[in-house]
Amino acid sequence: MHLSTYRDERILACKELNKIIDKIDDDEIVIVGGDFNVGVTRLGSGRYTFKKQEEYEEYKILGEKLKKLPNTEDTWFSKLGQGCIDTMFYSDKVELLTYKTVDVENRSDHKAIYAEFNI
């Protein structure tokens, strides 16, 4: 998934995702990954900054329904900022085995997140 670079829109999207998760049977497996843009502020066309925080509202909301991958390594880099804005969330039925941040050798302005789960 890719969340907005506007905080209010990200929070709304996370609340809506929780409503969808509520409709999924508890026995089903849910894994959500992507660019969550937490801490990012859009300055203008193609210009963004990142401000690291102790806690992000978006992650708190999704944490009501899912577990968060405990990654903290920066995944996004730009002239104006960098930060750990990419991650994964997964349901209680899933066991996290391993994860890592992967360098994509300048194919993107993001590093990839790789995770293995026992399902």
Foldseek 3Di string as FASTA:
>chain_A
DAFDLDQVRLLVVLLVVVVVLVPDDLPDKDKDWDFSNFQWHDPDVVDIEGDDDPDGSSCVSNVVFWAWDPDWDWFADDPHYIGNRITMTIGPVKAWDDKDWAQPPPPDRTTDIDTDIDD
